[in-house]
C-alpha atoms as a PDB file:
ATOM      1  CA  MET A   1      -2.606  12.573   8.573  1.00  0.00           C
ATOM      2  CA  LEU A   2      -3.481  12.993   4.967  1.00  0.00           C
ATOM      3  CA  ARG A   3      -4.758   9.083   4.883  1.00  0.00           C
ATOM      4  CA  SER A   4      -6.392   8.954   8.152  1.00  0.00           C
ATOM      5  CA  THR A   5      -8.567  12.128   7.430  1.00  0.00           C
ATOM      6  CA  LEU A   6      -9.688  10.482   4.132  1.00  0.00           C
ATOM      7  CA  LEU A   7     -10.333   7.064   5.304  1.00  0.00           C
ATOM      8  CA  ALA A   8     -12.589   9.160   7.953  1.00  0.00           C
ATOM      9  CA  ALA A   9     -14.422  10.770   5.366  1.00  0.00           C
ATOM     10  CA  ALA A  10     -15.056   7.696   3.888  1.00  0.00           C
ATOM     11  CA  ARG A  11     -17.381   6.572   6.874  1.00  0.00           C
ATOM     12  CA  SER A  12     -18.964  10.212   7.064  1.00  0.00           C
ATOM     13  CA  PRO A  13     -22.487  10.360   5.643  1.00  0.00           C
ATOM     14  CA  HIS A  14     -22.254  14.328   5.003  1.00  0.00           C
ATOM     15  CA  CYS A  15     -19.210  13.813   3.098  1.00  0.00           C
ATOM     16  CA  ARG A  16     -20.826  11.080   1.015  1.00  0.00           C
ATOM     17  CA  SER A  17     -24.130  12.884  -0.119  1.00  0.00           C
ATOM     18  CA  ALA A  18     -22.005  16.218  -0.672  1.00  0.00           C
ATOM     19  CA  ALA A  19     -19.589  13.657  -3.165  1.00  0.00           C
ATOM     20  CA  GLU A  20     -22.899  12.108  -4.423  1.00  0.00           C
ATOM     21  CA  ARG A  21     -24.545  15.448  -5.530  1.00  0.00           C
ATOM     22  CA  THR A  22     -21.227  16.610  -7.385  1.00  0.00           C
ATOM     23  CA  PRO A  23     -22.109  16.218 -11.030  1.00  0.00           C
ATOM     24  CA  PHE A  24     -18.393  16.596 -12.345  1.00  0.00           C
ATOM     25  CA  LEU A  25     -17.045  13.468  -9.731  1.00  0.00           C
ATOM     26  CA  ARG A  26     -18.920  11.415 -11.830  1.00  0.00           C
ATOM     27  CA  PRO A  27     -15.580  11.276 -14.440  1.00  0.00           C
ATOM     28  CA  ILE A  28     -13.609  10.701 -12.042  1.00  0.00           C
ATOM     29  CA  VAL A  29     -15.323   7.951  -9.966  1.00  0.00           C
ATOM     30  CA  ASP A  30     -15.574   6.522 -13.185  1.00  0.00           C
ATOM     31  CA  ARG A  31     -11.862   5.612 -13.318  1.00  0.00           C
ATOM     32  CA  PHE A  32     -11.705   3.097 -10.337  1.00  0.00           C
ATOM     33  CA  VAL A  33     -15.715   1.901 -10.745  1.00  0.00           C
ATOM     34  CA  ALA A  34     -16.929  -0.030 -13.916  1.00  0.00           C
ATOM     35  CA  GLY A  35     -20.556   1.660 -13.188  1.00  0.00           C
ATOM     36  CA  THR A  36     -23.551   1.483 -11.235  1.00  0.00           C
ATOM     37  CA  ASP A  37     -24.825  -1.390 -12.442  1.00  0.00           C
ATOM     38  CA  VAL A  38     -24.455  -5.374 -14.130  1.00  0.00           C
ATOM     39  CA  ASP A  39     -24.939  -4.714 -17.542  1.00  0.00           C
ATOM     40  CA  SER A  40     -21.822  -2.306 -17.017  1.00  0.00           C
ATOM     41  CA  ALA A  41     -19.938  -4.686 -14.650  1.00  0.00           C
ATOM     42  CA  VAL A  42     -20.045  -7.442 -17.840  1.00  0.00           C
ATOM     43  CA  ARG A  43     -19.237  -5.641 -20.393  1.00  0.00           C
ATOM     44  CA  THR A  44     -16.215  -4.370 -18.753  1.00  0.00           C
ATOM     45  CA  ALA A  45     -15.411  -7.948 -17.864  1.00  0.00           C
ATOM     46  CA  GLY A  46     -15.614  -8.968 -21.120  1.00  0.00           C
ATOM     47  CA  GLU A  47     -13.202  -5.731 -22.356  1.00  0.00           C
ATOM     48  CA  LEU A  48     -10.755  -6.770 -20.012  1.00  0.00           C
ATOM     49  CA  ALA A  49     -10.996 -10.943 -20.699  1.00  0.00           C
ATOM     50  CA  THR A  50      -9.425 -10.669 -24.035  1.00  0.00           C
ATOM     51  CA  ASP A  51      -5.776 -10.869 -22.136  1.00  0.00           C
ATOM     52  CA  ARG A  52      -6.483 -10.651 -18.454  1.00  0.00           C
ATOM     53  CA  PHE A  53      -8.520 -12.581 -15.718  1.00  0.00           C
ATOM     54  CA  VAL A  54     -11.206 -10.387 -13.443  1.00  0.00           C
ATOM     55  CA  THR A  55     -12.412 -10.340 -10.107  1.00  0.00           C
ATOM     56  CA  LEU A  56     -15.949  -8.242  -9.759  1.00  0.00           C
ATOM     57  CA  ASP A  57     -16.951  -6.876  -6.339  1.00  0.00           C
ATOM     58  CA  HIS A  58     -20.572  -5.596  -6.775  1.00  0.00           C
ATOM     59  CA  LEU A  59     -20.459  -2.720  -4.076  1.00  0.00           C
ATOM     60  CA  GLY A  60     -21.736  -2.563  -0.203  1.00  0.00           C
ATOM     61  CA  GLU A  61     -20.964  -2.825   3.185  1.00  0.00           C
ATOM     62  CA  ASP A  62     -21.730  -2.453   6.847  1.00  0.00           C
ATOM     63  CA  THR A  63     -25.147  -3.593   6.111  1.00  0.00           C
ATOM     64  CA  THR A  64     -27.150  -3.872   9.267  1.00  0.00           C
ATOM     65  CA  ASP A  65     -30.517  -4.335   7.111  1.00  0.00           C
ATOM     66  CA  ARG A  66     -31.694  -8.194   6.965  1.00  0.00           C
ATOM     67  CA  ARG A  67     -33.751  -6.993   3.341  1.00  0.00           C
ATOM     68  CA  GLN A  68     -30.678  -5.775   1.930  1.00  0.00           C
ATOM     69  CA  VAL A  69     -28.507  -9.351   2.856  1.00  0.00           C
ATOM     70  CA  GLU A  70     -31.041 -10.044   0.363  1.00  0.00           C
ATOM     71  CA  VAL A  71     -30.603  -7.802  -2.264  1.00  0.00           C
ATOM     72  CA  THR A  72     -26.972  -8.230  -2.277  1.00  0.00           C
ATOM     73  CA  VAL A  73     -27.219 -12.097  -2.567  1.00  0.00           C
ATOM     74  CA  GLU A  74     -29.374 -11.849  -5.352  1.00  0.00           C
ATOM     75  CA  ALA A  75     -27.144  -9.188  -7.098  1.00  0.00           C
ATOM     76  CA  TYR A  76     -24.556 -11.922  -6.898  1.00  0.00           C
ATOM     77  CA  ARG A  77     -26.856 -14.381  -8.241  1.00  0.00           C
ATOM     78  CA  THR A  78     -27.866 -12.040 -11.338  1.00  0.00           C
ATOM     79  CA  LEU A  79     -24.241 -11.232 -11.795  1.00  0.00           C
ATOM     80  CA  LEU A  80     -22.904 -14.708 -11.867  1.00  0.00           C
ATOM     81  CA  SER A  81     -25.871 -15.784 -14.246  1.00  0.00           C
ATOM     82  CA  ARG A  82     -25.078 -12.982 -16.669  1.00  0.00           C
ATOM     83  CA  LEU A  83     -21.177 -13.861 -16.305  1.00  0.00           C
ATOM     84  CA  ALA A  84     -22.133 -17.458 -17.812  1.00  0.00           C
ATOM     85  CA  TRP A  85     -24.761 -16.779 -20.365  1.00  0.00           C
ATOM     86  CA  ALA A  86     -21.707 -14.305 -21.629  1.00  0.00           C
ATOM     87  CA  GLY A  87     -19.373 -16.951 -21.470  1.00  0.00           C
ATOM     88  CA  LEU A  88     -17.146 -15.493 -18.996  1.00  0.00           C
ATOM     89  CA  SER A  89     -17.073 -17.877 -16.297  1.00  0.00           C
ATOM     90  CA  GLY A  90     -13.674 -19.099 -17.162  1.00  0.00           C
ATOM     91  CA  ARG A  91     -12.165 -15.253 -16.842  1.00  0.00           C
ATOM     92  CA  ALA A  92     -14.135 -13.977 -13.981  1.00  0.00           C
ATOM     93  CA  GLU A  93     -14.715 -14.670 -10.434  1.00  0.00           C
ATOM     94  CA  VAL A  94     -16.477 -12.551  -8.007  1.00  0.00           C
ATOM     95  CA  SER A  95     -15.281 -10.985  -4.694  1.00  0.00           C
ATOM     96  CA  VAL A  96     -17.744 -10.515  -1.279  1.00  0.00           C
ATOM     97  CA  LYS A  97     -17.635  -8.223   1.573  1.00  0.00           C
ATOM     98  CA  LEU A  98     -18.832 -10.055   4.719  1.00  0.00           C
ATOM     99  CA  SER A  99     -20.140  -6.542   6.157  1.00  0.00           C
ATOM    100  CA  ALA A 100     -22.348  -6.294   2.965  1.00  0.00           C
ATOM    101  CA  LEU A 101     -23.893  -9.899   4.049  1.00  0.00           C
ATOM    102  CA  GLY A 102     -24.709  -9.163   7.414  1.00  0.00           C
ATOM    103  CA  GLN A 103     -21.728  -9.851   9.432  1.00  0.00           C
ATOM    104  CA  ALA A 104     -22.151  -6.910  11.626  1.00  0.00           C
ATOM    105  CA  LEU A 105     -25.914  -7.553  12.312  1.00  0.00           C
ATOM    106  CA  PRO A 106     -26.206  -7.468  16.356  1.00  0.00           C
ATOM    107  CA  VAL A 107     -28.156 -10.850  16.446  1.00  0.00           C
ATOM    108  CA  ASP A 108     -26.332 -13.860  14.581  1.00  0.00           C
ATOM    109  CA  GLY A 109     -24.481 -11.352  12.368  1.00  0.00           C
ATOM    110  CA  GLU A 110     -21.915 -13.937  11.724  1.00  0.00           C
ATOM    111  CA  LYS A 111     -24.122 -17.023  10.826  1.00  0.00           C
ATOM    112  CA  VAL A 112     -26.204 -14.673   8.521  1.00  0.00           C
ATOM    113  CA  ALA A 113     -23.119 -13.589   6.316  1.00  0.00           C
ATOM    114  CA  LEU A 114     -21.916 -17.073   6.671  1.00  0.00           C
ATOM    115  CA  ASP A 115     -25.684 -18.633   4.860  1.00  0.00           C
ATOM    116  CA  ALA A 116     -25.396 -15.572   2.728  1.00  0.00           C
ATOM    117  CA  ALA A 117     -22.195 -16.298   1.314  1.00  0.00           C
ATOM    118  CA  ARG A 118     -22.987 -20.057   0.907  1.00  0.00           C
ATOM    119  CA  ARG A 119     -25.760 -19.124  -1.809  1.00  0.00           C
ATOM    120  CA  ILE A 120     -22.860 -16.907  -3.765  1.00  0.00           C
ATOM    121  CA  CYS A 121     -20.565 -19.653  -3.116  1.00  0.00           C
ATOM    122  CA  ALA A 122     -23.197 -21.932  -4.553  1.00  0.00           C
ATOM    123  CA  ALA A 123     -24.385 -19.819  -7.465  1.00  0.00           C
ATOM    124  CA  ALA A 124     -20.597 -19.200  -8.507  1.00  0.00           C
ATOM    125  CA  ALA A 125     -20.011 -23.104  -8.650  1.00  0.00           C
ATOM    126  CA  GLY A 126     -23.079 -23.696 -10.855  1.00  0.00           C
ATOM    127  CA  ALA A 127     -22.007 -20.848 -13.135  1.00  0.00           C
ATOM    128  CA  GLY A 128     -18.648 -22.402 -13.056  1.00  0.00           C
ATOM    129  CA  THR A 129     -16.492 -20.192 -11.521  1.00  0.00           C
ATOM    130  CA  THR A 130     -15.729 -19.310  -7.686  1.00  0.00           C
ATOM    131  CA  VAL A 131     -15.684 -16.490  -4.837  1.00  0.00           C
ATOM    132  CA  THR A 132     -12.876 -14.803  -3.191  1.00  0.00           C
ATOM    133  CA  VAL A 133     -14.009 -13.332   0.360  1.00  0.00           C
ATOM    134  CA  ASP A 134     -12.677  -9.526   0.829  1.00  0.00           C
ATOM    135  CA  MET A 135     -10.525  -8.582   4.551  1.00  0.00           C
ATOM    136  CA  GLU A 136     -11.968  -5.430   5.889  1.00  0.00           C
ATOM    137  CA  ASP A 137     -10.525  -4.070   9.200  1.00  0.00           C
ATOM    138  CA  HIS A 138      -8.879  -5.674  12.005  1.00  0.00           C
ATOM    139  CA  THR A 139     -12.043  -5.996  14.071  1.00  0.00           C
ATOM    140  CA  THR A 140     -13.332  -8.530  11.364  1.00  0.00           C
ATOM    141  CA  THR A 141     -10.268 -10.847  10.654  1.00  0.00           C
ATOM    142  CA  ASP A 142     -10.928 -13.614  13.165  1.00  0.00           C
ATOM    143  CA  SER A 143     -14.804 -13.866  12.082  1.00  0.00           C
ATOM    144  CA  THR A 144     -14.002 -13.192   8.262  1.00  0.00           C
ATOM    145  CA  LEU A 145     -11.708 -16.308   8.295  1.00  0.00           C
ATOM    146  CA  SER A 146     -13.427 -18.528  10.339  1.00  0.00           C
ATOM    147  CA  ILE A 147     -16.468 -18.156   7.656  1.00  0.00           C
ATOM    148  CA  VAL A 148     -14.032 -18.669   5.219  1.00  0.00           C
ATOM    149  CA  ARG A 149     -13.161 -22.428   6.511  1.00  0.00           C
ATOM    150  CA  ASP A 150     -16.729 -22.958   6.724  1.00  0.00           C
ATOM    151  CA  LEU A 151     -17.734 -22.046   3.278  1.00  0.00           C
ATOM    152  CA  ARG A 152     -14.141 -24.094   1.969  1.00  0.00           C
ATOM    153  CA  LEU A 153     -16.142 -27.162   3.378  1.00  0.00           C
ATOM    154  CA  ASP A 154     -18.160 -27.220   0.525  1.00  0.00           C
ATOM    155  CA  PHE A 155     -16.122 -24.976  -1.871  1.00  0.00           C
ATOM    156  CA  PRO A 156     -12.590 -25.912  -1.573  1.00  0.00           C
ATOM    157  CA  GLY A 157     -11.692 -22.986  -4.125  1.00  0.00           C
ATOM    158  CA  THR A 158     -13.265 -20.250  -2.012  1.00  0.00           C
ATOM    159  CA  GLY A 159     -10.027 -17.404  -1.745  1.00  0.00           C
ATOM    160  CA  ALA A 160      -9.155 -15.831   1.195  1.00  0.00           C
ATOM    161  CA  VAL A 161      -7.515 -12.228   1.343  1.00  0.00           C
ATOM    162  CA  LEU A 162      -5.421 -11.218   3.857  1.00  0.00           C
ATOM    163  CA  GLN A 163      -3.675  -7.821   4.797  1.00  0.00           C
ATOM    164  CA  ALA A 164       0.506  -7.419   5.204  1.00  0.00           C
ATOM    165  CA  TYR A 165       0.276  -4.087   7.066  1.00  0.00           C
ATOM    166  CA  LEU A 166      -1.595  -6.592  10.108  1.00  0.00           C
ATOM    167  CA  ARG A 167       1.129  -7.779  12.206  1.00  0.00           C
ATOM    168  CA  ARG A 168      -0.414 -11.256  12.171  1.00  0.00           C
ATOM    169  CA  THR A 169      -0.545 -11.560   8.901  1.00  0.00           C
ATOM    170  CA  GLU A 170       2.833 -13.346   8.695  1.00  0.00           C
ATOM    171  CA  ALA A 171       1.049 -16.538  10.721  1.00  0.00           C
ATOM    172  CA  ASP A 172      -2.220 -16.325   8.900  1.00  0.00           C
ATOM    173  CA  CYS A 173      -0.509 -17.022   5.681  1.00  0.00           C
ATOM    174  CA  ALA A 174       1.367 -19.934   7.471  1.00  0.00           C
ATOM    175  CA  ASP A 175      -2.104 -21.497   7.979  1.00  0.00           C
ATOM    176  CA  LEU A 176      -3.552 -20.484   4.664  1.00  0.00           C
ATOM    177  CA  ALA A 177      -0.393 -21.867   2.712  1.00  0.00           C
ATOM    178  CA  GLY A 178      -1.826 -25.598   2.056  1.00  0.00           C
ATOM    179  CA  PRO A 179      -3.040 -27.496  -0.736  1.00  0.00           C
ATOM    180  CA  GLY A 180      -5.400 -25.627  -2.796  1.00  0.00           C
ATOM    181  CA  SER A 181      -5.928 -22.597  -0.957  1.00  0.00           C
ATOM    182  CA  ARG A 182      -6.179 -19.079  -2.936  1.00  0.00           C
ATOM    183  CA  VAL A 183      -5.072 -16.495  -0.789  1.00  0.00           C
ATOM    184  CA  ARG A 184      -4.549 -12.514  -2.526  1.00  0.00           C
ATOM    185  CA  LEU A 185      -2.194 -11.077  -0.317  1.00  0.00           C
ATOM    186  CA  CYS A 186      -2.918  -7.078  -0.143  1.00  0.00           C
ATOM    187  CA  LYS A 187      -0.904  -4.265   2.291  1.00  0.00           C
ATOM    188  CA  GLY A 188      -4.078  -3.046   3.048  1.00  0.00           C
ATOM    189  CA  ALA A 189      -6.357   0.098   2.619  1.00  0.00           C
ATOM    190  CA  TYR A 190      -8.183   0.666   6.651  1.00  0.00           C
ATOM    191  CA  ASP A 191      -6.877   3.081   9.078  1.00  0.00           C
ATOM    192  CA  GLU A 192      -5.668   0.507  11.655  1.00  0.00           C
ATOM    193  CA  PRO A 193      -3.841   1.222  15.123  1.00  0.00           C
ATOM    194  CA  ALA A 194       0.112   0.465  16.045  1.00  0.00           C
ATOM    195  CA  SER A 195      -1.311  -1.722  18.114  1.00  0.00           C
ATOM    196  CA  VAL A 196      -2.684  -4.454  15.634  1.00  0.00           C
ATOM    197  CA  ALA A 197      -0.503  -2.977  12.385  1.00  0.00           C
ATOM    198  CA  PHE A 198       2.553  -1.495  10.889  1.00  0.00           C
ATOM    199  CA  ARG A 199       1.688   2.350  10.322  1.00  0.00           C
ATOM    200  CA  ASP A 200       5.533   2.577   8.340  1.00  0.00           C
ATOM    201  CA  LYS A 201       5.584   2.208   4.597  1.00  0.00           C
ATOM    202  CA  SER A 202       8.715   0.437   4.918  1.00  0.00           C
ATOM    203  CA  GLU A 203       7.166  -1.764   7.602  1.00  0.00           C
ATOM    204  CA  VAL A 204       4.737  -2.746   5.604  1.00  0.00           C
ATOM    205  CA  ASP A 205       6.614  -3.626   2.772  1.00  0.00           C
ATOM    206  CA  ARG A 206       8.780  -5.815   4.342  1.00  0.00           C
ATOM    207  CA  SER A 207       6.410  -7.592   5.980  1.00  0.00           C
ATOM    208  CA  TYR A 208       4.852  -8.183   2.596  1.00  0.00           C
ATOM    209  CA  VAL A 209       7.942  -9.565   1.433  1.00  0.00           C
ATOM    210  CA  ARG A 210       7.788 -11.947   4.431  1.00  0.00           C
ATOM    211  CA  CYS A 211       4.237 -13.429   3.634  1.00  0.00           C
ATOM    212  CA  LEU A 212       5.097 -13.732  -0.148  1.00  0.00           C
ATOM    213  CA  ARG A 213       7.639 -16.016   0.804  1.00  0.00           C
ATOM    214  CA  VAL A 214       5.573 -18.121   3.070  1.00  0.00           C
ATOM    215  CA  LEU A 215       2.746 -18.307   0.317  1.00  0.00           C
ATOM    216  CA  LEU A 216       5.096 -18.789  -2.702  1.00  0.00           C
ATOM    217  CA  GLY A 217       7.206 -21.215  -0.602  1.00  0.00           C
ATOM    218  CA  GLY A 218       3.485 -23.022   0.074  1.00  0.00           C
ATOM    219  CA  GLN A 219       1.246 -25.391  -1.846  1.00  0.00           C
ATOM    220  CA  GLY A 220      -1.790 -22.922  -2.158  1.00  0.00           C
ATOM    221  CA  HIS A 221      -2.472 -20.456  -4.690  1.00  0.00           C
ATOM    222  CA  PRO A 222      -1.021 -17.052  -4.233  1.00  0.00           C
ATOM    223  CA  MET A 223      -2.892 -14.135  -5.649  1.00  0.00           C
ATOM    224  CA  ILE A 224      -0.227 -11.515  -5.624  1.00  0.00           C
ATOM    225  CA  ALA A 225      -2.335  -7.964  -5.018  1.00  0.00           C
ATOM    226  CA  THR A 226       0.339  -4.756  -5.273  1.00  0.00           C
ATOM    227  CA  HIS A 227       0.667  -1.890  -7.777  1.00  0.00           C
ATOM    228  CA  ASP A 228       4.528  -1.242  -6.637  1.00  0.00           C
ATOM    229  CA  ASP A 229       7.323  -2.060  -8.990  1.00  0.00           C
ATOM    230  CA  ARG A 230       9.767  -3.535  -6.235  1.00  0.00           C
ATOM    231  CA  LEU A 231       7.460  -5.686  -5.056  1.00  0.00           C
ATOM    232  CA  LEU A 232       6.543  -7.170  -8.066  1.00  0.00           C
ATOM    233  CA  ALA A 233       9.848  -7.649  -8.713  1.00  0.00           C
ATOM    234  CA  ILE A 234      10.701  -9.422  -5.842  1.00  0.00           C
ATOM    235  CA  ALA A 235       7.441 -11.550  -6.175  1.00  0.00           C
ATOM    236  CA  GLU A 236       8.341 -12.697  -9.872  1.00  0.00           C
ATOM    237  CA  ASP A 237      11.982 -13.563  -8.635  1.00  0.00           C
ATOM    238  CA  LEU A 238      10.348 -15.349  -5.382  1.00  0.00           C
ATOM    239  CA  ALA A 239       8.303 -17.179  -7.581  1.00  0.00           C
ATOM    240  CA  ALA A 240      11.439 -18.264 -10.029  1.00  0.00           C
ATOM    241  CA  ARG A 241      12.983 -19.443  -6.908  1.00  0.00           C
ATOM    242  CA  ALA A 242      10.443 -21.229  -5.633  1.00  0.00           C
ATOM    243  CA  GLY A 243       9.570 -23.233  -8.910  1.00  0.00           C
ATOM    244  CA  ARG A 244       6.220 -21.269  -9.680  1.00  0.00           C
ATOM    245  CA  THR A 245       5.240 -21.670 -13.111  1.00  0.00           C
ATOM    246  CA  ALA A 246       2.491 -19.435 -14.478  1.00  0.00           C
ATOM    247  CA  GLY A 247      -0.848 -21.070 -13.939  1.00  0.00           C
ATOM    248  CA  ASP A 248      -0.121 -21.536  -9.859  1.00  0.00           C
ATOM    249  CA  HIS A 249      -0.076 -18.302  -8.662  1.00  0.00           C
ATOM    250  CA  GLU A 250      -1.548 -14.902 -10.131  1.00  0.00           C
ATOM    251  CA  PHE A 251      -1.119 -11.399 -10.025  1.00  0.00           C
ATOM    252  CA  GLN A 252      -4.039  -9.023  -9.388  1.00  0.00           C
ATOM    253  CA  MET A 253      -4.508  -4.892  -9.326  1.00  0.00           C
ATOM    254  CA  LEU A 254      -7.207  -2.753  -9.431  1.00  0.00           C
ATOM    255  CA  TYR A 255      -9.298  -1.293 -12.029  1.00  0.00           C
ATOM    256  CA  GLY A 256      -8.309   2.012 -13.102  1.00  0.00           C
ATOM    257  CA  VAL A 257      -4.947   1.518 -11.475  1.00  0.00           C
ATOM    258  CA  ARG A 258      -1.784   1.367 -13.995  1.00  0.00           C
ATOM    259  CA  PRO A 259      -3.419  -0.523 -16.650  1.00  0.00           C
ATOM    260  CA  ASP A 260      -0.403  -0.030 -18.975  1.00  0.00           C
ATOM    261  CA  LEU A 261       1.319  -2.251 -16.676  1.00  0.00           C
ATOM    262  CA  GLN A 262      -1.211  -4.762 -16.005  1.00  0.00           C
ATOM    263  CA  ARG A 263      -1.393  -5.335 -20.147  1.00  0.00           C
ATOM    264  CA  ARG A 264       2.522  -5.357 -19.625  1.00  0.00           C
ATOM    265  CA  ILE A 265       2.341  -8.329 -17.089  1.00  0.00           C
ATOM    266  CA  ALA A 266      -0.102 -10.172 -19.213  1.00  0.00           C
ATOM    267  CA  ALA A 267       1.537 -10.009 -22.269  1.00  0.00           C
ATOM    268  CA  ARG A 268       4.655 -11.543 -20.646  1.00  0.00           C
ATOM    269  CA  GLY A 269       2.728 -14.859 -19.808  1.00  0.00           C
ATOM    270  CA  HIS A 270       1.792 -14.024 -16.187  1.00  0.00           C
ATOM    271  CA  ARG A 271      -1.702 -14.277 -14.945  1.00  0.00           C
ATOM    272  CA  MET A 272      -3.349 -10.820 -14.447  1.00  0.00           C
ATOM    273  CA  ARG A 273      -6.231 -10.307 -12.525  1.00  0.00           C
ATOM    274  CA  VAL A 274      -8.314  -6.895 -12.032  1.00  0.00           C
ATOM    275  CA  TYR A 275     -10.014  -6.153  -9.644  1.00  0.00           C
ATOM    276  CA  VAL A 276     -13.485  -4.663 -10.708  1.00  0.00           C
ATOM    277  CA  PRO A 277     -15.861  -2.722  -8.684  1.00  0.00           C
ATOM    278  CA  TYR A 278     -19.375  -1.500  -9.690  1.00  0.00           C
ATOM    279  CA  GLY A 279     -22.551  -0.424  -7.855  1.00  0.00           C
ATOM    280  CA  THR A 280     -24.196   2.366  -6.414  1.00  0.00           C
ATOM    281  CA  GLU A 281     -22.558   2.424  -3.127  1.00  0.00           C
ATOM    282  CA  TRP A 282     -19.138   2.980  -4.748  1.00  0.00           C
ATOM    283  CA  TYR A 283     -18.315   5.825  -2.052  1.00  0.00           C
ATOM    284  CA  PRO A 284     -16.626   4.319   0.445  1.00  0.00           C
ATOM    285  CA  TYR A 285     -14.534   2.320  -1.892  1.00  0.00           C
ATOM    286  CA  PHE A 286     -13.352   5.613  -3.786  1.00  0.00           C
ATOM    287  CA  MET A 287     -12.092   7.085  -0.680  1.00  0.00           C
ATOM    288  CA  ARG A 288     -10.133   4.908  -0.031  1.00  0.00           C
ATOM    289  CA  ARG A 289      -8.503   4.381  -3.043  1.00  0.00           C
ATOM    290  CA  LEU A 290      -7.756   8.217  -2.347  1.00  0.00           C
ATOM    291  CA  GLY A 291      -5.931   7.285   0.792  1.00  0.00           C
ATOM    292  CA  GLU A 292      -4.218   4.413  -0.752  1.00  0.00           C
ATOM    293  CA  ARG A 293      -1.886   6.373  -3.215  1.00  0.00           C
ATOM    294  CA  PRO A 294      -0.979  10.386  -3.376  1.00  0.00           C
ATOM    295  CA  ALA A 295      -0.949   9.844  -7.186  1.00  0.00           C
ATOM    296  CA  ASN A 296      -4.640   9.317  -7.133  1.00  0.00           C
ATOM    297  CA  LEU A 297      -5.379  12.041  -4.970  1.00  0.00           C
ATOM    298  CA  ALA A 298      -3.406  14.236  -7.525  1.00  0.00           C
ATOM    299  CA  PHE A 299      -5.839  13.159 -10.318  1.00  0.00           C
ATOM    300  CA  PHE A 300      -8.318  13.775  -7.979  1.00  0.00           C
ATOM    301  CA  ALA A 301      -7.853  17.501  -7.502  1.00  0.00           C
ATOM    302  CA  ARG A 302      -7.166  17.909 -10.919  1.00  0.00           C
ATOM    303  CA  ALA A 303     -10.256  17.231 -12.004  1.00  0.00           C
ATOM    304  CA  LEU A 304     -11.902  19.257  -9.527  1.00  0.00           C
ATOM    305  CA  GLY A 305      -9.700  22.345 -10.508  1.00  0.00           C
ATOM    306  CA  SER A 306     -11.271  21.966 -13.988  1.00  0.00           C
ATOM    307  CA  GLY A 307     -14.634  21.212 -12.865  1.00  0.00           C
ATOM    308  CA  SER A 308     -15.504  24.090 -10.549  1.00  0.00           C
END
């Protein structure tokens, strides 16, 4: 119930306006979001890249304005140019949400999003890196995977994201476990109906393990996105059994979540990538992070208490 309430608040303009006007909220947001501008993002990427890898997300979603699509594409081009200039292309890639690229436009939304994503992929290739296409709520899954398939015709390294809480995901993993396919497996962060998603944590965890078996047993490059100690241990065991080496799969975690564990995983010789969001459109992302883990909400509540 609490998680559903927080995710509903993520879409509330009133809650968003109140949050953005609350001055003592900013230090809390800064735990999960690497600033509002490209300078902050590149600086954070450089700090993390000393021992980890990075994927940068210019925050934004649910765009219904064609002009905003162009603004977003230009923001990614600027980011990618800056990463190349800073010598970070070998350690940093970018993540994009198709809803920020016009996927939800009432006319030709999928075509607009594909064109915008293709231009970002071209800029990434020019900078010497690549793109991972984020997954959003279940109503966009087919469209998103279709766009990823089209992007891979010209940019085969384009990554896809699959969410273990969806009942369909094990089959999607099998479809995407071929040679060269980069797939980030996460649990999922949206409030989905039971008709399409597992709602119980234990069911989601079991689905995650089944999906891991498929991806690690395949020929692609699995990107294992979890902060769960038990799932991390299972993933390491499955990777070893599948004969995986450090360069053919990776672990991923969110910026600001368990950074000490991130460093320990990297120190053990694993490829550890940190998902780093930045930008002014931080509110929906921040609310989903609160909804995912009670520890995040407790941190937020303590900060509110100290700031009031």
